[in-house]
Amino acid sequence: MQEKLDISRVGNNIDLDPFRIDEVLENGTCTFVSSKFYNKGVYRVKNNQTKQLEDLAINIDKIEAATYEGLVEEFGEGCVDASLWDDVPDGSMVFFYSFKLEKDLVEQHSRKKEEYLEA
């Protein structure tokens, strides 16, 4: 049997909203958009609503980046949500992430979906 790292030893944290936490617990995968750049790898989840570290980890496995101008040029202004760039300097990028629930490397102590909804 492969030994797993205890969740408390994961040093990188990422803030996720309760909707994303619920989605990754239910489906095992999820996506999100951020003006912050995160490297690929394992992160411990911090609930951005309760400000509490959760007992689960995710693994960011895909990162894409785009500028507002680039997306408008490619897809048209009607297809681009300009609010994603509210906190981003002109000409800078927004990052699109895909991640999965980390089960292979980290020993999870995650609560069930219902416990998240009650909190």
PDB file of N, CA and C in Angstrom:
ATOM      1  N   MET A   1       0.833  -1.187   0.000  1.00  0.00           N
ATOM      2  CA  MET A   1       0.000   0.000   0.000  1.00  0.00           C
ATOM      3  C   MET A   1       0.875   1.246   0.000  1.00  0.00           C
ATOM      4  N   GLN A   2       0.526   2.202  -0.799  1.00  0.00           N
ATOM      5  CA  GLN A   2       1.278   3.445  -0.896  1.00  0.00           C
ATOM      6  C   GLN A   2       0.926   4.360   0.271  1.00  0.00           C
ATOM      7  N   GLU A   3       1.959   4.900   0.911  1.00  0.00           N
ATOM      8  CA  GLU A   3       1.713   5.849   1.997  1.00  0.00           C
ATOM      9  C   GLU A   3       1.259   7.175   1.421  1.00  0.00           C
ATOM     10  N   LYS A   4       0.378   7.851   2.178  1.00  0.00           N
ATOM     11  CA  LYS A   4      -0.130   9.139   1.744  1.00  0.00           C
ATOM     12  C   LYS A   4       0.291  10.204   2.740  1.00  0.00           C
ATOM     13  N   LEU A   5       0.401  11.399   2.239  1.00  0.00           N
ATOM     14  CA  LEU A   5       0.760  12.563   3.037  1.00  0.00           C
ATOM     15  C   LEU A   5      -0.463  13.015   3.827  1.00  0.00           C
ATOM     16  N   ASP A   6      -0.285  13.323   5.107  1.00  0.00           N
ATOM     17  CA  ASP A   6      -1.389  13.856   5.896  1.00  0.00           C
ATOM     18  C   ASP A   6      -1.745  15.246   5.384  1.00  0.00           C
ATOM     19  N   ILE A   7      -3.020  15.558   5.330  1.00  0.00           N
ATOM     20  CA  ILE A   7      -3.502  16.829   4.787  1.00  0.00           C
ATOM     21  C   ILE A   7      -2.871  18.032   5.480  1.00  0.00           C
ATOM     22  N   SER A   8      -2.552  17.921   6.743  1.00  0.00           N
ATOM     23  CA  SER A   8      -1.973  19.043   7.492  1.00  0.00           C
ATOM     24  C   SER A   8      -0.576  19.408   7.002  1.00  0.00           C
ATOM     25  N   ARG A   9       0.044  18.546   6.209  1.00  0.00           N
ATOM     26  CA  ARG A   9       1.389  18.806   5.719  1.00  0.00           C
ATOM     27  C   ARG A   9       1.424  19.487   4.365  1.00  0.00           C
ATOM     28  N   VAL A  10       0.258  19.723   3.777  1.00  0.00           N
ATOM     29  CA  VAL A  10       0.196  20.424   2.494  1.00  0.00           C
ATOM     30  C   VAL A  10       0.386  21.904   2.772  1.00  0.00           C
ATOM     31  N   GLY A  11       1.422  22.497   2.203  1.00  0.00           N
ATOM     32  CA  GLY A  11       1.800  23.877   2.512  1.00  0.00           C
ATOM     33  C   GLY A  11       1.150  24.941   1.662  1.00  0.00           C
ATOM     34  N   ASN A  12       0.670  24.588   0.485  1.00  0.00           N
ATOM     35  CA  ASN A  12       0.032  25.575  -0.388  1.00  0.00           C
ATOM     36  C   ASN A  12      -1.471  25.560  -0.173  1.00  0.00           C
ATOM     37  N   ASN A  13      -2.057  26.752  -0.011  1.00  0.00           N
ATOM     38  CA  ASN A  13      -3.498  26.873   0.174  1.00  0.00           C
ATOM     39  C   ASN A  13      -4.105  27.612  -1.003  1.00  0.00           C
ATOM     40  N   ILE A  14      -5.365  27.319  -1.269  1.00  0.00           N
ATOM     41  CA  ILE A  14      -6.112  28.004  -2.315  1.00  0.00           C
ATOM     42  C   ILE A  14      -7.515  28.280  -1.797  1.00  0.00           C
ATOM     43  N   ASP A  15      -7.991  29.501  -2.017  1.00  0.00           N
ATOM     44  CA  ASP A  15      -9.342  29.881  -1.605  1.00  0.00           C
ATOM     45  C   ASP A  15     -10.345  29.440  -2.671  1.00  0.00           C
ATOM     46  N   LEU A  16     -11.363  28.703  -2.241  1.00  0.00           N
ATOM     47  CA  LEU A  16     -12.448  28.305  -3.127  1.00  0.00           C
ATOM     48  C   LEU A  16     -13.778  28.643  -2.466  1.00  0.00           C
ATOM     49  N   ASP A  17     -14.750  28.973  -3.289  1.00  0.00           N
ATOM     50  CA  ASP A  17     -16.075  29.254  -2.748  1.00  0.00           C
ATOM     51  C   ASP A  17     -16.800  27.936  -2.453  1.00  0.00           C
ATOM     52  N   PRO A  18     -17.820  27.967  -1.594  1.00  0.00           N
ATOM     53  CA  PRO A  18     -18.545  26.740  -1.228  1.00  0.00           C
ATOM     54  C   PRO A  18     -19.121  25.997  -2.434  1.00  0.00           C
ATOM     55  N   PHE A  19     -19.523  26.718  -3.478  1.00  0.00           N
ATOM     56  CA  PHE A  19     -20.034  26.065  -4.682  1.00  0.00           C
ATOM     57  C   PHE A  19     -18.971  25.176  -5.312  1.00  0.00           C
ATOM     58  N   ARG A  20     -17.739  25.685  -5.438  1.00  0.00           N
ATOM     59  CA  ARG A  20     -16.636  24.902  -6.033  1.00  0.00           C
ATOM     60  C   ARG A  20     -16.288  23.702  -5.138  1.00  0.00           C
ATOM     61  N   ILE A  21     -16.296  23.922  -3.834  1.00  0.00           N
ATOM     62  CA  ILE A  21     -16.002  22.823  -2.904  1.00  0.00           C
ATOM     63  C   ILE A  21     -17.031  21.715  -3.077  1.00  0.00           C
ATOM     64  N   ASP A  22     -18.294  22.092  -3.115  1.00  0.00           N
ATOM     65  CA  ASP A  22     -19.371  21.129  -3.303  1.00  0.00           C
ATOM     66  C   ASP A  22     -19.228  20.397  -4.630  1.00  0.00           C
ATOM     67  N   GLU A  23     -18.906  21.139  -5.693  1.00  0.00           N
ATOM     68  CA  GLU A  23     -18.773  20.537  -7.015  1.00  0.00           C
ATOM     69  C   GLU A  23     -17.631  19.527  -7.081  1.00  0.00           C
ATOM     70  N   VAL A  24     -16.489  19.878  -6.495  1.00  0.00           N
ATOM     71  CA  VAL A  24     -15.363  18.937  -6.544  1.00  0.00           C
ATOM     72  C   VAL A  24     -15.632  17.708  -5.682  1.00  0.00           C
ATOM     73  N   LEU A  25     -16.350  17.869  -4.575  1.00  0.00           N
ATOM     74  CA  LEU A  25     -16.705  16.711  -3.758  1.00  0.00           C
ATOM     75  C   LEU A  25     -17.689  15.803  -4.485  1.00  0.00           C
ATOM     76  N   GLU A  26     -18.604  16.407  -5.220  1.00  0.00           N
ATOM     77  CA  GLU A  26     -19.624  15.639  -5.924  1.00  0.00           C
ATOM     78  C   GLU A  26     -19.091  14.986  -7.193  1.00  0.00           C
ATOM     79  N   ASN A  27     -18.314  15.741  -7.984  1.00  0.00           N
ATOM     80  CA  ASN A  27     -17.879  15.255  -9.298  1.00  0.00           C
ATOM     81  C   ASN A  27     -16.431  14.799  -9.357  1.00  0.00           C
ATOM     82  N   GLY A  28     -15.630  15.207  -8.389  1.00  0.00           N
ATOM     83  CA  GLY A  28     -14.214  14.862  -8.412  1.00  0.00           C
ATOM     84  C   GLY A  28     -13.371  15.845  -9.206  1.00  0.00           C
ATOM     85  N   THR A  29     -14.016  16.702 -10.005  1.00  0.00           N
ATOM     86  CA  THR A  29     -13.306  17.698 -10.810  1.00  0.00           C
ATOM     87  C   THR A  29     -14.083  19.009 -10.800  1.00  0.00           C
ATOM     88  N   CYS A  30     -13.411  20.080 -11.206  1.00  0.00           N
ATOM     89  CA  CYS A  30     -14.046  21.384 -11.241  1.00  0.00           C
ATOM     90  C   CYS A  30     -13.144  22.339 -12.020  1.00  0.00           C
ATOM     91  N   THR A  31     -13.677  23.526 -12.313  1.00  0.00           N
ATOM     92  CA  THR A  31     -12.892  24.575 -12.957  1.00  0.00           C
ATOM     93  C   THR A  31     -13.135  25.881 -12.214  1.00  0.00           C
ATOM     94  N   PHE A  32     -12.228  26.829 -12.382  1.00  0.00           N
ATOM     95  CA  PHE A  32     -12.446  28.176 -11.858  1.00  0.00           C
ATOM     96  C   PHE A  32     -11.575  29.167 -12.602  1.00  0.00           C
ATOM     97  N   VAL A  33     -11.922  30.434 -12.453  1.00  0.00           N
ATOM     98  CA  VAL A  33     -11.220  31.536 -13.092  1.00  0.00           C
ATOM     99  C   VAL A  33     -10.672  32.432 -11.996  1.00  0.00           C
ATOM    100  N   SER A  34      -9.443  32.933 -12.176  1.00  0.00           N
ATOM    101  CA  SER A  34      -8.847  33.792 -11.159  1.00  0.00           C
ATOM    102  C   SER A  34      -7.894  34.789 -11.811  1.00  0.00           C
ATOM    103  N   SER A  35      -7.783  35.945 -11.177  1.00  0.00           N
ATOM    104  CA  SER A  35      -6.777  36.902 -11.632  1.00  0.00           C
ATOM    105  C   SER A  35      -5.412  36.548 -11.056  1.00  0.00           C
ATOM    106  N   LYS A  36      -5.383  35.629 -10.092  1.00  0.00           N
ATOM    107  CA  LYS A  36      -4.126  35.172  -9.491  1.00  0.00           C
ATOM    108  C   LYS A  36      -3.580  33.985 -10.273  1.00  0.00           C
ATOM    109  N   PHE A  37      -2.255  33.916 -10.342  1.00  0.00           N
ATOM    110  CA  PHE A  37      -1.616  32.787 -11.002  1.00  0.00           C
ATOM    111  C   PHE A  37      -1.236  31.737  -9.965  1.00  0.00           C
ATOM    112  N   TYR A  38      -1.694  30.529 -10.164  1.00  0.00           N
ATOM    113  CA  TYR A  38      -1.315  29.386  -9.338  1.00  0.00           C
ATOM    114  C   TYR A  38      -0.573  28.393 -10.214  1.00  0.00           C
ATOM    115  N   ASN A  39       0.479  27.804  -9.685  1.00  0.00           N
ATOM    116  CA  ASN A  39       1.198  26.757 -10.411  1.00  0.00           C
ATOM    117  C   ASN A  39       0.399  25.471 -10.387  1.00  0.00           C
ATOM    118  N   LYS A  40       0.726  24.582 -11.300  1.00  0.00           N
ATOM    119  CA  LYS A  40       0.150  23.247 -11.240  1.00  0.00           C
ATOM    120  C   LYS A  40       0.639  22.593  -9.956  1.00  0.00           C
ATOM    121  N   GLY A  41      -0.199  21.760  -9.364  1.00  0.00           N
ATOM    122  CA  GLY A  41       0.205  21.038  -8.175  1.00  0.00           C
ATOM    123  C   GLY A  41      -0.903  20.910  -7.149  1.00  0.00           C
ATOM    124  N   VAL A  42      -0.516  20.478  -5.960  1.00  0.00           N
ATOM    125  CA  VAL A  42      -1.458  20.154  -4.888  1.00  0.00           C
ATOM    126  C   VAL A  42      -1.628  21.344  -3.948  1.00  0.00           C
ATOM    127  N   TYR A  43      -2.889  21.643  -3.626  1.00  0.00           N
ATOM    128  CA  TYR A  43      -3.237  22.743  -2.732  1.00  0.00           C
ATOM    129  C   TYR A  43      -4.271  22.269  -1.713  1.00  0.00           C
ATOM    130  N   ARG A  44      -4.130  22.739  -0.490  1.00  0.00           N
ATOM    131  CA  ARG A  44      -5.162  22.516   0.511  1.00  0.00           C
ATOM    132  C   ARG A  44      -6.222  23.591   0.321  1.00  0.00           C
ATOM    133  N   VAL A  45      -7.470  23.222   0.456  1.00  0.00           N
ATOM    134  CA  VAL A  45      -8.581  24.124   0.182  1.00  0.00           C
ATOM    135  C   VAL A  45      -8.945  24.933   1.417  1.00  0.00           C
ATOM    136  N   LYS A  46      -9.084  26.251   1.200  1.00  0.00           N
ATOM    137  CA  LYS A  46      -9.590  27.161   2.227  1.00  0.00           C
ATOM    138  C   LYS A  46     -10.926  27.697   1.738  1.00  0.00           C
ATOM    139  N   ASN A  47     -11.953  27.535   2.549  1.00  0.00           N
ATOM    140  CA  ASN A  47     -13.287  28.010   2.204  1.00  0.00           C
ATOM    141  C   ASN A  47     -13.286  29.532   2.294  1.00  0.00           C
ATOM    142  N   ASN A  48     -13.511  30.226   1.182  1.00  0.00           N
ATOM    143  CA  ASN A  48     -13.420  31.684   1.201  1.00  0.00           C
ATOM    144  C   ASN A  48     -14.612  32.349   1.885  1.00  0.00           C
ATOM    145  N   GLN A  49     -15.642  31.578   2.205  1.00  0.00           N
ATOM    146  CA  GLN A  49     -16.783  32.134   2.924  1.00  0.00           C
ATOM    147  C   GLN A  49     -16.566  32.049   4.437  1.00  0.00           C
ATOM    148  N   THR A  50     -16.108  30.882   4.915  1.00  0.00           N
ATOM    149  CA  THR A  50     -15.904  30.686   6.352  1.00  0.00           C
ATOM    150  C   THR A  50     -14.483  31.020   6.793  1.00  0.00           C
ATOM    151  N   LYS A  51     -13.562  31.165   5.825  1.00  0.00           N
ATOM    152  CA  LYS A  51     -12.138  31.429   6.081  1.00  0.00           C
ATOM    153  C   LYS A  51     -11.458  30.271   6.813  1.00  0.00           C
ATOM    154  N   GLN A  52     -12.046  29.089   6.764  1.00  0.00           N
ATOM    155  CA  GLN A  52     -11.507  27.902   7.422  1.00  0.00           C
ATOM    156  C   GLN A  52     -10.786  27.012   6.408  1.00  0.00           C
ATOM    157  N   LEU A  53      -9.675  26.407   6.837  1.00  0.00           N
ATOM    158  CA  LEU A  53      -9.027  25.391   6.016  1.00  0.00           C
ATOM    159  C   LEU A  53      -9.895  24.142   6.057  1.00  0.00           C
ATOM    160  N   GLU A  54     -10.126  23.567   4.899  1.00  0.00           N
ATOM    161  CA  GLU A  54     -10.921  22.348   4.805  1.00  0.00           C
ATOM    162  C   GLU A  54      -9.988  21.146   4.810  1.00  0.00           C
ATOM    163  N   ASP A  55     -10.535  19.999   5.134  1.00  0.00           N
ATOM    164  CA  ASP A  55      -9.748  18.777   5.145  1.00  0.00           C
ATOM    165  C   ASP A  55      -9.822  18.069   3.802  1.00  0.00           C
ATOM    166  N   LEU A  56      -9.516  18.814   2.767  1.00  0.00           N
ATOM    167  CA  LEU A  56      -9.421  18.236   1.439  1.00  0.00           C
ATOM    168  C   LEU A  56      -8.397  19.005   0.634  1.00  0.00           C
ATOM    169  N   ALA A  57      -7.861  18.325  -0.350  1.00  0.00           N
ATOM    170  CA  ALA A  57      -6.845  18.922  -1.213  1.00  0.00           C
ATOM    171  C   ALA A  57      -7.259  18.726  -2.663  1.00  0.00           C
ATOM    172  N   ILE A  58      -6.821  19.664  -3.504  1.00  0.00           N
ATOM    173  CA  ILE A  58      -7.057  19.566  -4.941  1.00  0.00           C
ATOM    174  C   ILE A  58      -5.714  19.532  -5.661  1.00  0.00           C
ATOM    175  N   ASN A  59      -5.756  19.084  -6.891  1.00  0.00           N
ATOM    176  CA  ASN A  59      -4.570  19.063  -7.732  1.00  0.00           C
ATOM    177  C   ASN A  59      -4.897  19.842  -8.997  1.00  0.00           C
ATOM    178  N   ILE A  60      -4.290  21.031  -9.156  1.00  0.00           N
ATOM    179  CA  ILE A  60      -4.465  21.816 -10.375  1.00  0.00           C
ATOM    180  C   ILE A  60      -3.676  21.129 -11.470  1.00  0.00           C
ATOM    181  N   ASP A  61      -4.368  20.726 -12.522  1.00  0.00           N
ATOM    182  CA  ASP A  61      -3.679  19.992 -13.583  1.00  0.00           C
ATOM    183  C   ASP A  61      -3.702  20.689 -14.934  1.00  0.00           C
ATOM    184  N   LYS A  62      -4.451  21.801 -15.064  1.00  0.00           N
ATOM    185  CA  LYS A  62      -4.454  22.512 -16.336  1.00  0.00           C
ATOM    186  C   LYS A  62      -4.625  24.006 -16.076  1.00  0.00           C
ATOM    187  N   ILE A  63      -3.816  24.798 -16.758  1.00  0.00           N
ATOM    188  CA  ILE A  63      -3.865  26.251 -16.644  1.00  0.00           C
ATOM    189  C   ILE A  63      -3.871  26.843 -18.044  1.00  0.00           C
ATOM    190  N   GLU A  64      -4.777  27.770 -18.275  1.00  0.00           N
ATOM    191  CA  GLU A  64      -4.801  28.547 -19.513  1.00  0.00           C
ATOM    192  C   GLU A  64      -4.870  30.016 -19.122  1.00  0.00           C
ATOM    193  N   ALA A  65      -4.393  30.888 -19.971  1.00  0.00           N
ATOM    194  CA  ALA A  65      -4.420  32.322 -19.689  1.00  0.00           C
ATOM    195  C   ALA A  65      -4.919  33.061 -20.916  1.00  0.00           C
ATOM    196  N   ALA A  66      -5.621  34.173 -20.651  1.00  0.00           N
ATOM    197  CA  ALA A  66      -6.123  34.984 -21.758  1.00  0.00           C
ATOM    198  C   ALA A  66      -6.241  36.435 -21.319  1.00  0.00           C
ATOM    199  N   THR A  67      -6.065  37.324 -22.276  1.00  0.00           N
ATOM    200  CA  THR A  67      -6.328  38.739 -22.022  1.00  0.00           C
ATOM    201  C   THR A  67      -7.745  39.038 -22.502  1.00  0.00           C
ATOM    202  N   TYR A  68      -8.303  40.103 -21.975  1.00  0.00           N
ATOM    203  CA  TYR A  68      -9.638  40.529 -22.402  1.00  0.00           C
ATOM    204  C   TYR A  68      -9.645  40.797 -23.907  1.00  0.00           C
ATOM    205  N   GLU A  69      -8.655  41.551 -24.368  1.00  0.00           N
ATOM    206  CA  GLU A  69      -8.579  41.905 -25.772  1.00  0.00           C
ATOM    207  C   GLU A  69      -8.461  40.666 -26.663  1.00  0.00           C
ATOM    208  N   GLY A  70      -7.670  39.703 -26.215  1.00  0.00           N
ATOM    209  CA  GLY A  70      -7.484  38.479 -26.990  1.00  0.00           C
ATOM    210  C   GLY A  70      -8.766  37.680 -27.127  1.00  0.00           C
ATOM    211  N   LEU A  71      -9.522  37.576 -26.030  1.00  0.00           N
ATOM    212  CA  LEU A  71     -10.780  36.839 -26.088  1.00  0.00           C
ATOM    213  C   LEU A  71     -11.824  37.570 -26.931  1.00  0.00           C
ATOM    214  N   VAL A  72     -11.881  38.899 -26.805  1.00  0.00           N
ATOM    215  CA  VAL A  72     -12.829  39.677 -27.608  1.00  0.00           C
ATOM    216  C   VAL A  72     -12.504  39.520 -29.087  1.00  0.00           C
ATOM    217  N   GLU A  73     -11.230  39.556 -29.414  1.00  0.00           N
ATOM    218  CA  GLU A  73     -10.804  39.397 -30.806  1.00  0.00           C
ATOM    219  C   GLU A  73     -11.185  38.021 -31.346  1.00  0.00           C
ATOM    220  N   GLU A  74     -11.041  36.995 -30.496  1.00  0.00           N
ATOM    221  CA  GLU A  74     -11.305  35.638 -30.947  1.00  0.00           C
ATOM    222  C   GLU A  74     -12.793  35.292 -30.955  1.00  0.00           C
ATOM    223  N   PHE A  75     -13.548  35.717 -29.900  1.00  0.00           N
ATOM    224  CA  PHE A  75     -14.936  35.279 -29.754  1.00  0.00           C
ATOM    225  C   PHE A  75     -15.985  36.377 -29.914  1.00  0.00           C
ATOM    226  N   GLY A  76     -15.562  37.631 -29.858  1.00  0.00           N
ATOM    227  CA  GLY A  76     -16.507  38.739 -29.940  1.00  0.00           C
ATOM    228  C   GLY A  76     -16.857  39.257 -28.554  1.00  0.00           C
ATOM    229  N   GLU A  77     -17.172  40.535 -28.472  1.00  0.00           N
ATOM    230  CA  GLU A  77     -17.414  41.191 -27.184  1.00  0.00           C
ATOM    231  C   GLU A  77     -18.614  40.601 -26.442  1.00  0.00           C
ATOM    232  N   GLY A  78     -19.631  40.155 -27.175  1.00  0.00           N
ATOM    233  CA  GLY A  78     -20.818  39.583 -26.549  1.00  0.00           C
ATOM    234  C   GLY A  78     -20.580  38.272 -25.832  1.00  0.00           C
ATOM    235  N   CYS A  79     -19.477  37.595 -26.135  1.00  0.00           N
ATOM    236  CA  CYS A  79     -19.179  36.294 -25.516  1.00  0.00           C
ATOM    237  C   CYS A  79     -18.232  36.393 -24.329  1.00  0.00           C
ATOM    238  N   VAL A  80     -17.734  37.587 -24.039  1.00  0.00           N
ATOM    239  CA  VAL A  80     -16.715  37.740 -23.000  1.00  0.00           C
ATOM    240  C   VAL A  80     -17.302  38.490 -21.809  1.00  0.00           C
ATOM    241  N   ASP A  81     -17.154  37.904 -20.624  1.00  0.00           N
ATOM    242  CA  ASP A  81     -17.633  38.529 -19.396  1.00  0.00           C
ATOM    243  C   ASP A  81     -16.583  39.527 -18.911  1.00  0.00           C
ATOM    244  N   ALA A  82     -16.814  40.803 -19.180  1.00  0.00           N
ATOM    245  CA  ALA A  82     -15.845  41.853 -18.836  1.00  0.00           C
ATOM    246  C   ALA A  82     -15.619  41.955 -17.329  1.00  0.00           C
ATOM    247  N   SER A  83     -16.574  41.507 -16.523  1.00  0.00           N
ATOM    248  CA  SER A  83     -16.420  41.606 -15.060  1.00  0.00           C
ATOM    249  C   SER A  83     -15.272  40.737 -14.533  1.00  0.00           C
ATOM    250  N   LEU A  84     -14.850  39.741 -15.298  1.00  0.00           N
ATOM    251  CA  LEU A  84     -13.723  38.907 -14.870  1.00  0.00           C
ATOM    252  C   LEU A  84     -12.433  39.717 -14.779  1.00  0.00           C
ATOM    253  N   TRP A  85     -12.381  40.830 -15.487  1.00  0.00           N
ATOM    254  CA  TRP A  85     -11.185  41.661 -15.531  1.00  0.00           C
ATOM    255  C   TRP A  85     -11.281  42.891 -14.628  1.00  0.00           C
ATOM    256  N   ASP A  86     -12.293  42.967 -13.787  1.00  0.00           N
ATOM    257  CA  ASP A  86     -12.471  44.130 -12.904  1.00  0.00           C
ATOM    258  C   ASP A  86     -11.239  44.414 -12.044  1.00  0.00           C
ATOM    259  N   ASP A  87     -10.622  43.382 -11.508  1.00  0.00           N
ATOM    260  CA  ASP A  87      -9.469  43.542 -10.621  1.00  0.00           C
ATOM    261  C   ASP A  87      -8.136  43.321 -11.330  1.00  0.00           C
ATOM    262  N   VAL A  88      -8.161  43.325 -12.644  1.00  0.00           N
ATOM    263  CA  VAL A  88      -6.971  43.019 -13.435  1.00  0.00           C
ATOM    264  C   VAL A  88      -6.538  44.274 -14.200  1.00  0.00           C
ATOM    265  N   PRO A  89      -5.258  44.648 -14.104  1.00  0.00           N
ATOM    266  CA  PRO A  89      -4.780  45.814 -14.865  1.00  0.00           C
ATOM    267  C   PRO A  89      -4.981  45.627 -16.367  1.00  0.00           C
ATOM    268  N   ASP A  90      -5.192  46.731 -17.070  1.00  0.00           N
ATOM    269  CA  ASP A  90      -5.390  46.670 -18.523  1.00  0.00           C
ATOM    270  C   ASP A  90      -4.262  45.906 -19.202  1.00  0.00           C
ATOM    271  N   GLY A  91      -4.632  45.011 -20.089  1.00  0.00           N
ATOM    272  CA  GLY A  91      -3.657  44.226 -20.844  1.00  0.00           C
ATOM    273  C   GLY A  91      -3.164  42.988 -20.126  1.00  0.00           C
ATOM    274  N   SER A  92      -3.533  42.826 -18.851  1.00  0.00           N
ATOM    275  CA  SER A  92      -3.095  41.648 -18.088  1.00  0.00           C
ATOM    276  C   SER A  92      -4.021  40.459 -18.341  1.00  0.00           C
ATOM    277  N   MET A  93      -3.587  39.323 -17.870  1.00  0.00           N
ATOM    278  CA  MET A  93      -4.299  38.081 -18.130  1.00  0.00           C
ATOM    279  C   MET A  93      -5.168  37.651 -16.960  1.00  0.00           C
ATOM    280  N   VAL A  94      -6.187  36.850 -17.296  1.00  0.00           N
ATOM    281  CA  VAL A  94      -6.973  36.096 -16.333  1.00  0.00           C
ATOM    282  C   VAL A  94      -6.632  34.637 -16.589  1.00  0.00           C
ATOM    283  N   PHE A  95      -6.579  33.862 -15.516  1.00  0.00           N
ATOM    284  CA  PHE A  95      -6.168  32.465 -15.623  1.00  0.00           C
ATOM    285  C   PHE A  95      -7.359  31.540 -15.425  1.00  0.00           C
ATOM    286  N   PHE A  96      -7.433  30.518 -16.259  1.00  0.00           N
ATOM    287  CA  PHE A  96      -8.499  29.533 -16.223  1.00  0.00           C
ATOM    288  C   PHE A  96      -7.878  28.216 -15.758  1.00  0.00           C
ATOM    289  N   TYR A  97      -8.488  27.603 -14.734  1.00  0.00           N
ATOM    290  CA  TYR A  97      -7.921  26.413 -14.117  1.00  0.00           C
ATOM    291  C   TYR A  97      -8.884  25.239 -14.183  1.00  0.00           C
ATOM    292  N   SER A  98      -8.312  24.062 -14.294  1.00  0.00           N
ATOM    293  CA  SER A  98      -9.044  22.817 -14.160  1.00  0.00           C
ATOM    294  C   SER A  98      -8.339  22.038 -13.054  1.00  0.00           C
ATOM    295  N   PHE A  99      -9.115  21.477 -12.145  1.00  0.00           N
ATOM    296  CA  PHE A  99      -8.504  20.720 -11.062  1.00  0.00           C
ATOM    297  C   PHE A  99      -9.348  19.522 -10.685  1.00  0.00           C
ATOM    298  N   LYS A 100      -8.742  18.639  -9.926  1.00  0.00           N
ATOM    299  CA  LYS A 100      -9.437  17.441  -9.455  1.00  0.00           C
ATOM    300  C   LYS A 100      -9.174  17.263  -7.967  1.00  0.00           C
ATOM    301  N   LEU A 101     -10.040  16.526  -7.324  1.00  0.00           N
ATOM    302  CA  LEU A 101      -9.863  16.173  -5.928  1.00  0.00           C
ATOM    303  C   LEU A 101      -8.633  15.279  -5.835  1.00  0.00           C
ATOM    304  N   GLU A 102      -7.688  15.635  -4.983  1.00  0.00           N
ATOM    305  CA  GLU A 102      -6.447  14.860  -4.848  1.00  0.00           C
ATOM    306  C   GLU A 102      -6.699  13.682  -3.913  1.00  0.00           C
ATOM    307  N   LYS A 103      -6.655  12.466  -4.478  1.00  0.00           N
ATOM    308  CA  LYS A 103      -6.916  11.257  -3.693  1.00  0.00           C
ATOM    309  C   LYS A 103      -5.694  10.348  -3.584  1.00  0.00           C
ATOM    310  N   ASP A 104      -4.746  10.496  -4.517  1.00  0.00           N
ATOM    311  CA  ASP A 104      -3.625   9.566  -4.580  1.00  0.00           C
ATOM    312  C   ASP A 104      -2.493   9.927  -3.628  1.00  0.00           C
ATOM    313  N   LEU A 105      -2.215  11.217  -3.475  1.00  0.00           N
ATOM    314  CA  LEU A 105      -1.058  11.664  -2.712  1.00  0.00           C
ATOM    315  C   LEU A 105      -1.387  12.040  -1.275  1.00  0.00           C
ATOM    316  N   VAL A 106      -2.583  12.587  -1.063  1.00  0.00           N
ATOM    317  CA  VAL A 106      -2.938  13.158   0.233  1.00  0.00           C
ATOM    318  C   VAL A 106      -4.033  12.336   0.902  1.00  0.00           C
ATOM    319  N   GLU A 107      -3.843  12.078   2.199  1.00  0.00           N
ATOM    320  CA  GLU A 107      -4.868  11.412   3.001  1.00  0.00           C
ATOM    321  C   GLU A 107      -5.941  12.430   3.328  1.00  0.00           C
ATOM    322  N   GLN A 108      -7.110  12.251   2.730  1.00  0.00           N
ATOM    323  CA  GLN A 108      -8.215  13.191   2.921  1.00  0.00           C
ATOM    324  C   GLN A 108      -8.994  12.815   4.177  1.00  0.00           C
ATOM    325  N   HIS A 109      -9.493  13.825   4.834  1.00  0.00           N
ATOM    326  CA  HIS A 109     -10.392  13.622   5.967  1.00  0.00           C
ATOM    327  C   HIS A 109     -11.667  14.390   5.679  1.00  0.00           C
ATOM    328  N   SER A 110     -12.048  14.425   4.412  1.00  0.00           N
ATOM    329  CA  SER A 110     -13.123  15.317   3.988  1.00  0.00           C
ATOM    330  C   SER A 110     -14.471  14.894   4.538  1.00  0.00           C
ATOM    331  N   ARG A 111     -15.249  15.927   4.825  1.00  0.00           N
ATOM    332  CA  ARG A 111     -16.610  15.722   5.287  1.00  0.00           C
ATOM    333  C   ARG A 111     -17.497  15.431   4.098  1.00  0.00           C
ATOM    334  N   LYS A 112     -18.650  14.903   4.375  1.00  0.00           N
ATOM    335  CA  LYS A 112     -19.613  14.642   3.318  1.00  0.00           C
ATOM    336  C   LYS A 112     -20.226  15.948   2.828  1.00  0.00           C
ATOM    337  N   LYS A 113     -20.771  15.907   1.650  1.00  0.00           N
ATOM    338  CA  LYS A 113     -21.381  17.079   1.027  1.00  0.00           C
ATOM    339  C   LYS A 113     -22.396  17.731   1.949  1.00  0.00           C
ATOM    340  N   GLU A 114     -23.223  16.953   2.642  1.00  0.00           N
ATOM    341  CA  GLU A 114     -24.253  17.514   3.504  1.00  0.00           C
ATOM    342  C   GLU A 114     -23.664  18.346   4.638  1.00  0.00           C
ATOM    343  N   GLU A 115     -22.493  17.934   5.134  1.00  0.00           N
ATOM    344  CA  GLU A 115     -21.850  18.687   6.223  1.00  0.00           C
ATOM    345  C   GLU A 115     -21.404  20.044   5.754  1.00  0.00           C
ATOM    346  N   TYR A 116     -21.010  20.199   4.491  1.00  0.00           N
ATOM    347  CA  TYR A 116     -20.620  21.498   3.949  1.00  0.00           C
ATOM    348  C   TYR A 116     -21.839  22.402   3.843  1.00  0.00           C
ATOM    349  N   LEU A 117     -22.949  21.823   3.446  1.00  0.00           N
ATOM    350  CA  LEU A 117     -24.155  22.623   3.279  1.00  0.00           C
ATOM    351  C   LEU A 117     -24.697  23.112   4.610  1.00  0.00           C
ATOM    352  N   GLU A 118     -24.498  22.326   5.675  1.00  0.00           N
ATOM    353  CA  GLU A 118     -24.971  22.718   6.995  1.00  0.00           C
ATOM    354  C   GLU A 118     -24.105  23.798   7.627  1.00  0.00           C
ATOM    355  N   ALA A 119     -22.831  23.845   7.255  1.00  0.00           N
ATOM    356  CA  ALA A 119     -21.893  24.786   7.879  1.00  0.00           C
ATOM    357  C   ALA A 119     -22.178  26.220   7.539  1.00  0.00           C
TER     358      ALA A 119
END
